[in-house]
Protein backbone atom coordinates (compact mmCIF):
# COMPACT_ATOMS: atom_id res chain seq x y z
CA MET A 1 -177.58 95.46 106.30
CA SER A 2 -175.34 96.66 108.70
CA ARG A 3 -171.85 98.07 107.98
CA ILE A 4 -169.93 95.12 109.42
CA ALA A 5 -172.32 92.83 107.41
CA GLY A 6 -171.86 94.77 104.07
CA GLU A 7 -168.20 94.52 104.51
CA MET A 8 -168.31 90.68 105.22
CA ARG A 9 -170.24 90.22 102.05
CA LYS A 10 -167.72 92.23 100.43
CA LEU A 11 -164.92 90.24 101.90
CA ARG A 12 -166.77 86.70 100.87
CA ASP A 13 -167.27 88.03 97.54
CA LEU A 14 -163.82 89.08 97.15
CA GLU A 15 -162.74 85.67 98.55
CA ARG A 16 -165.06 83.72 95.59
CA ILE A 17 -163.47 85.82 93.10
CA ALA A 18 -159.63 85.43 94.61
CA GLY A 19 -160.29 81.63 94.85
CA LEU A 20 -161.65 81.33 91.06
CA ILE A 21 -158.19 83.44 89.84
CA LEU A 22 -156.37 80.96 92.09
CA GLU A 23 -157.82 77.97 90.39
CA GLU A 24 -157.09 79.32 87.04
CA GLU A 25 -153.44 79.76 87.80
CA LEU A 26 -152.88 76.59 89.26
CA ALA A 27 -154.67 74.88 86.51
CA ALA A 28 -152.18 76.97 83.98
CA LEU A 29 -149.41 75.64 86.05
CA LYS A 30 -150.68 71.98 85.55
CA ARG A 31 -151.03 72.70 82.06
CA LEU A 32 -147.50 74.16 81.65
CA ALA A 33 -146.30 70.94 83.70
CA ARG A 34 -147.92 68.75 81.13
CA MET A 35 -146.72 70.41 78.35
CA GLN A 36 -143.27 69.65 79.72
CA GLU A 37 -143.63 66.39 80.54
CA GLU A 38 -144.99 65.69 76.70
CA THR A 39 -141.94 67.53 75.41
CA GLY A 40 -139.76 65.55 77.92
CA ARG A 41 -141.11 62.63 76.48
CA GLU A 42 -140.97 63.36 72.63
CA ILE A 43 -136.93 64.68 73.26
CA ARG A 44 -136.65 60.84 74.84
CA ARG A 45 -138.28 59.32 72.11
CA LEU A 46 -136.11 60.97 69.28
CA ARG A 47 -132.87 60.26 71.38
CA GLU A 48 -134.15 56.31 71.76
CA MET A 49 -134.97 56.32 67.89
CA ALA A 50 -131.28 58.00 67.06
CA SER A 51 -129.64 55.26 69.26
CA ASP A 52 -131.46 52.65 67.39
CA ARG A 53 -130.07 53.79 64.48
CA ALA A 54 -126.81 53.95 65.45
CA ARG A 55 -127.33 50.18 66.84
CA ALA A 56 -128.63 49.34 63.21
CA LEU A 57 -126.11 50.73 61.21
CA VAL A 58 -123.41 49.11 63.15
CA ASN A 59 -125.15 45.76 62.85
CA CYS A 60 -126.04 46.20 58.81
CA GLY A 61 -123.06 48.36 57.84
CA ALA A 62 -123.00 49.78 54.33
CA GLU A 63 -125.79 47.36 53.25
CA ASP A 64 -128.55 49.08 55.13
CA PRO A 65 -131.06 50.56 52.29
CA ALA A 66 -131.48 53.92 53.81
CA PHE A 67 -128.09 54.45 54.39
CA LEU A 68 -126.80 53.88 50.53
CA ALA A 69 -129.76 55.92 49.48
CA GLY A 70 -128.60 58.86 51.49
CA GLN A 71 -131.66 58.97 53.31
CA ASP A 72 -129.73 58.35 56.74
CA GLN A 73 -128.48 61.67 56.69
CA THR A 74 -131.45 63.39 55.94
CA TRP A 75 -133.03 61.82 58.87
CA ARG A 76 -130.50 62.67 61.16
CA ARG A 77 -130.29 66.11 59.91
CA TRP A 78 -134.42 66.24 60.76
CA GLU A 79 -134.00 64.22 63.90
CA GLU A 80 -131.17 66.80 65.34
CA GLU A 81 -133.35 69.94 64.20
CA ARG A 82 -136.30 68.31 65.70
CA ARG A 83 -134.53 67.73 68.76
CA ALA A 84 -132.95 71.35 69.02
CA LEU A 85 -136.46 72.47 68.24
CA LEU A 86 -137.73 70.51 71.25
CA ASN A 87 -135.35 71.69 73.61
CA ASN A 88 -135.77 75.22 72.56
CA ARG A 89 -139.68 74.31 73.49
CA LEU A 90 -138.50 72.93 76.66
CA ALA A 91 -136.48 76.26 77.87
CA ARG A 92 -138.90 78.56 77.07
CA LEU A 93 -141.96 76.05 78.89
CA ARG A 94 -139.91 75.87 81.73
CA ALA A 95 -139.38 79.63 82.31
CA ASN A 96 -143.26 80.12 81.50
CA HIS A 97 -143.72 77.54 84.29
CA GLU A 98 -141.47 79.36 86.65
CA MET A 99 -143.23 82.71 85.91
CA GLN A 100 -146.25 80.71 86.49
CA LYS A 101 -145.67 79.41 89.80
CA ALA A 102 -144.73 83.40 90.84
CA LYS A 103 -148.30 84.14 89.30
CA ALA A 104 -149.80 81.27 91.38
CA SER A 105 -148.23 82.03 94.40
CA LEU A 106 -149.37 85.57 94.61
CA ALA A 107 -152.97 84.24 94.06
CA PHE A 108 -152.46 82.16 97.15
CA GLY A 109 -151.12 84.52 98.83
CA ARG A 110 -154.44 86.71 98.13
CA VAL A 111 -156.69 84.42 98.88
CA GLU A 112 -154.98 83.55 102.44
CA ALA A 113 -155.00 87.56 103.17
CA ILE A 114 -158.70 87.61 102.08
CA ARG A 115 -159.12 84.57 104.42
CA ARG A 116 -157.48 86.48 107.34
CA LEU A 117 -159.30 89.51 106.92
CA ILE A 118 -162.53 87.63 107.18
CA GLY A 119 -161.51 85.66 110.41
CA GLN A 120 -160.54 88.93 111.89
CA ASN A 121 -163.75 90.45 111.02
CA GLN A 122 -165.40 87.63 112.36
CA ALA A 123 -163.52 87.69 115.37
CA GLY A 124 -164.01 91.65 115.64
CA ARG A 125 -167.95 91.14 115.65
CA LYS A 126 -167.90 88.18 118.20
CA SER A 127 -165.94 90.60 120.84
């Protein structure tokens, strides 16, 4: 095997490995985006539930059984705590998403650099 053929084989192996790494980084990016969307949906659902409950209390007033039993305040506390937890989770997911974008970008750059080297190597063989 010639030196150039050996280098080309190594570059092809590097390209395959770099491509696999890029796929994994992009998959992680996609998972984080999906998790952000799911968390955002849950936050919106809680807000809608709180809004629906507020409207129901306006319509029922002091005759609402949950209100009379004191459970309304318990539910409101739970809803607020849950929403705060989800907002914190969403903030962490967004930060992780930004870091993952940087990792995916670096992996993409590596793949492109290796492909350029392969192209240069092939062009050198033709000359």
